[in-house]
Amino acid sequence: MMAGIRGKDTRPEMTIRRMLHALGFRYRLHDPKLPGKPDMVFPGCRAVILVHGCFWHCHDCHLFKWPASRADFWRQKITRNREKDAETMKALTAEGWRVLTIWECALKGRTRHPVDEVVRKAARWLRSDNRCEEIRGREDDGE
């Protein structure tokens, strides 16, 4: 089952890529020379965008639930993913890269934003000097 799960070129990532490209942004994909092989690398802006799935990266939103079966396996795997995320973020910022994280819940589920709004926020961030930011789903009102 896990063999069919993509680590790159996911639907949220492809959507963001297409729309940023249409706005004139050019980027490299999954650069192996950079820590964590970021999803999109914008050398001219000295910026990277990471598109994170809420389950795989243990996001604190409605899309993440700890699995009930094989609980020890999943806790170790997802905890290690979080550790790698922190290491990647630290390494990228130490090398002078700006980092934007776009969470899956910003694009999917009950807390999603319109896709064009997420892309506008990403484009605004790329044009700014802001160091690290994230785009996440709207605040969940519990409904």
Protein backbone atom coordinates (compact mmCIF):
# COMPACT_ATOMS: atom_id res chain seq x y z
CA MET A 1 0.00 0.00 0.00
CA MET A 2 2.70 2.50 0.98
CA ALA A 3 4.55 1.89 -2.31
CA GLY A 4 1.74 3.73 -4.09
CA ILE A 5 2.11 6.88 -1.99
CA ARG A 6 3.99 9.62 -3.74
CA GLY A 7 6.77 11.60 -2.10
CA LYS A 8 6.88 14.16 -4.86
CA ASP A 9 4.65 15.41 -7.67
CA THR A 10 1.62 15.13 -5.42
CA ARG A 11 -1.65 16.73 -6.48
CA PRO A 12 -1.29 19.72 -4.07
CA GLU A 13 2.31 20.25 -5.19
CA MET A 14 1.40 20.08 -8.90
CA THR A 15 -1.43 22.58 -8.41
CA ILE A 16 0.84 25.11 -6.71
CA ARG A 17 3.59 24.57 -9.31
CA ARG A 18 1.28 25.11 -12.28
CA MET A 19 -0.25 28.27 -10.86
CA LEU A 20 3.07 29.83 -9.80
CA HIS A 21 4.50 29.04 -13.23
CA ALA A 22 1.50 30.76 -14.84
CA LEU A 23 2.34 33.85 -12.74
CA GLY A 24 5.84 33.88 -14.24
CA PHE A 25 7.80 32.21 -11.43
CA ARG A 26 10.52 29.80 -12.50
CA TYR A 27 11.95 27.17 -10.20
CA ARG A 28 13.90 23.95 -9.92
CA LEU A 29 12.30 20.80 -8.58
CA HIS A 30 13.57 18.60 -5.74
CA ASP A 31 17.17 19.88 -5.90
CA PRO A 32 19.31 17.07 -4.44
CA LYS A 33 22.05 19.57 -3.55
CA LEU A 34 19.82 21.18 -0.92
CA PRO A 35 18.88 19.73 2.47
CA GLY A 36 15.62 17.79 2.25
CA LYS A 37 15.35 18.15 -1.55
CA PRO A 38 12.72 20.93 -1.36
CA ASP A 39 9.68 20.64 -3.61
CA MET A 40 10.36 23.94 -5.37
CA VAL A 41 13.57 25.98 -5.37
CA PHE A 42 13.58 29.61 -6.51
CA PRO A 43 17.30 30.46 -6.81
CA GLY A 44 16.68 34.09 -7.84
CA CYS A 45 14.66 34.69 -4.66
CA ARG A 46 16.91 32.47 -2.52
CA ALA A 47 13.69 30.75 -1.48
CA VAL A 48 12.21 27.26 -1.30
CA ILE A 49 8.63 26.05 -0.99
CA LEU A 50 7.76 22.83 0.81
CA VAL A 51 4.30 21.35 0.24
CA HIS A 52 3.62 19.13 3.25
CA GLY A 53 0.95 16.47 3.63
CA CYS A 54 -0.69 16.86 7.03
CA PHE A 55 -0.63 13.13 7.83
CA TRP A 56 3.00 12.47 6.89
CA HIS A 57 4.29 15.54 8.71
CA CYS A 58 2.04 15.26 11.81
CA HIS A 59 0.32 18.62 11.36
CA ASP A 60 -1.95 19.79 14.16
CA CYS A 61 -5.10 19.98 12.04
CA HIS A 62 -8.23 17.95 11.33
CA LEU A 63 -6.51 15.97 8.57
CA PHE A 64 -4.08 14.30 10.99
CA LYS A 65 -5.09 11.35 13.17
CA TRP A 66 -2.74 8.81 14.71
CA PRO A 67 -3.45 5.41 13.11
CA ALA A 68 -4.99 2.83 15.43
CA SER A 69 -3.33 -0.20 13.81
CA ARG A 70 0.45 -0.70 14.05
CA ALA A 71 0.57 2.26 16.42
CA ASP A 72 4.25 1.83 17.39
CA PHE A 73 5.37 1.68 13.75
CA TRP A 74 3.43 4.82 12.80
CA ARG A 75 4.48 6.77 15.87
CA GLN A 76 8.16 6.06 15.12
CA LYS A 77 7.80 6.82 11.40
CA ILE A 78 5.87 10.06 11.79
CA THR A 79 8.00 11.24 14.71
CA ARG A 80 11.11 10.69 12.59
CA ASN A 81 9.49 12.65 9.74
CA ARG A 82 8.98 15.58 12.14
CA GLU A 83 12.61 15.36 13.27
CA LYS A 84 13.80 15.37 9.64
CA ASP A 85 11.58 18.38 8.92
CA ALA A 86 13.20 20.31 11.78
CA GLU A 87 16.71 19.30 10.62
CA THR A 88 15.90 20.34 7.05
CA MET A 89 14.48 23.71 8.15
CA LYS A 90 17.52 24.41 10.31
CA ALA A 91 19.95 23.44 7.52
CA LEU A 92 18.15 25.47 4.85
CA THR A 93 17.98 28.62 6.97
CA ALA A 94 21.63 28.17 8.01
CA GLU A 95 22.53 28.19 4.31
CA GLY A 96 20.58 31.44 3.86
CA TRP A 97 17.45 30.04 2.22
CA ARG A 98 14.01 31.45 2.92
CA VAL A 99 11.40 28.72 3.51
CA LEU A 100 7.65 28.68 2.87
CA THR A 101 5.69 25.64 4.02
CA ILE A 102 2.28 25.10 2.44
CA TRP A 103 0.20 22.59 4.40
CA GLU A 104 -2.23 20.22 2.73
CA CYS A 105 -5.07 21.55 4.96
CA ALA A 106 -4.72 24.93 3.22
CA LEU A 107 -5.81 23.20 0.00
CA LYS A 108 -8.04 20.35 1.19
CA GLY A 109 -10.73 19.64 3.74
CA ARG A 110 -13.04 21.87 5.72
CA THR A 111 -10.34 24.44 6.54
CA ARG A 112 -9.15 24.95 2.97
CA HIS A 113 -8.68 28.31 1.31
CA PRO A 114 -9.48 28.95 -2.34
CA VAL A 115 -6.45 27.70 -4.31
CA ASP A 116 -5.89 31.06 -6.00
CA GLU A 117 -5.70 32.69 -2.54
CA VAL A 118 -3.00 30.21 -1.43
CA VAL A 119 -1.03 30.87 -4.62
CA ARG A 120 -1.41 34.65 -4.19
CA LYS A 121 -0.03 34.35 -0.64
CA ALA A 122 2.89 32.25 -1.91
CA ALA A 123 3.63 34.74 -4.71
CA ARG A 124 3.49 37.64 -2.24
CA TRP A 125 5.89 35.78 0.04
CA LEU A 126 8.29 35.04 -2.85
CA ARG A 127 8.42 38.77 -3.68
CA SER A 128 9.01 39.71 -0.02
CA ASP A 129 12.07 39.47 2.21
CA ASN A 130 10.29 37.37 4.84
CA ARG A 131 12.43 34.50 6.08
CA CYS A 132 10.15 31.64 7.07
CA GLU A 133 6.40 31.38 6.79
CA GLU A 134 3.69 28.80 6.51
CA ILE A 135 0.29 28.69 4.89
CA ARG A 136 -2.13 26.49 6.75
CA GLY A 137 -5.86 25.91 6.70
CA ARG A 138 -8.28 28.42 8.19
CA GLU A 139 -8.78 28.25 11.92
CA ASP A 140 -11.07 25.30 12.56
CA ASP A 141 -14.20 26.38 14.42
CA GLY A 142 -14.97 22.82 15.49
CA GLU A 143 -17.95 22.30 13.17
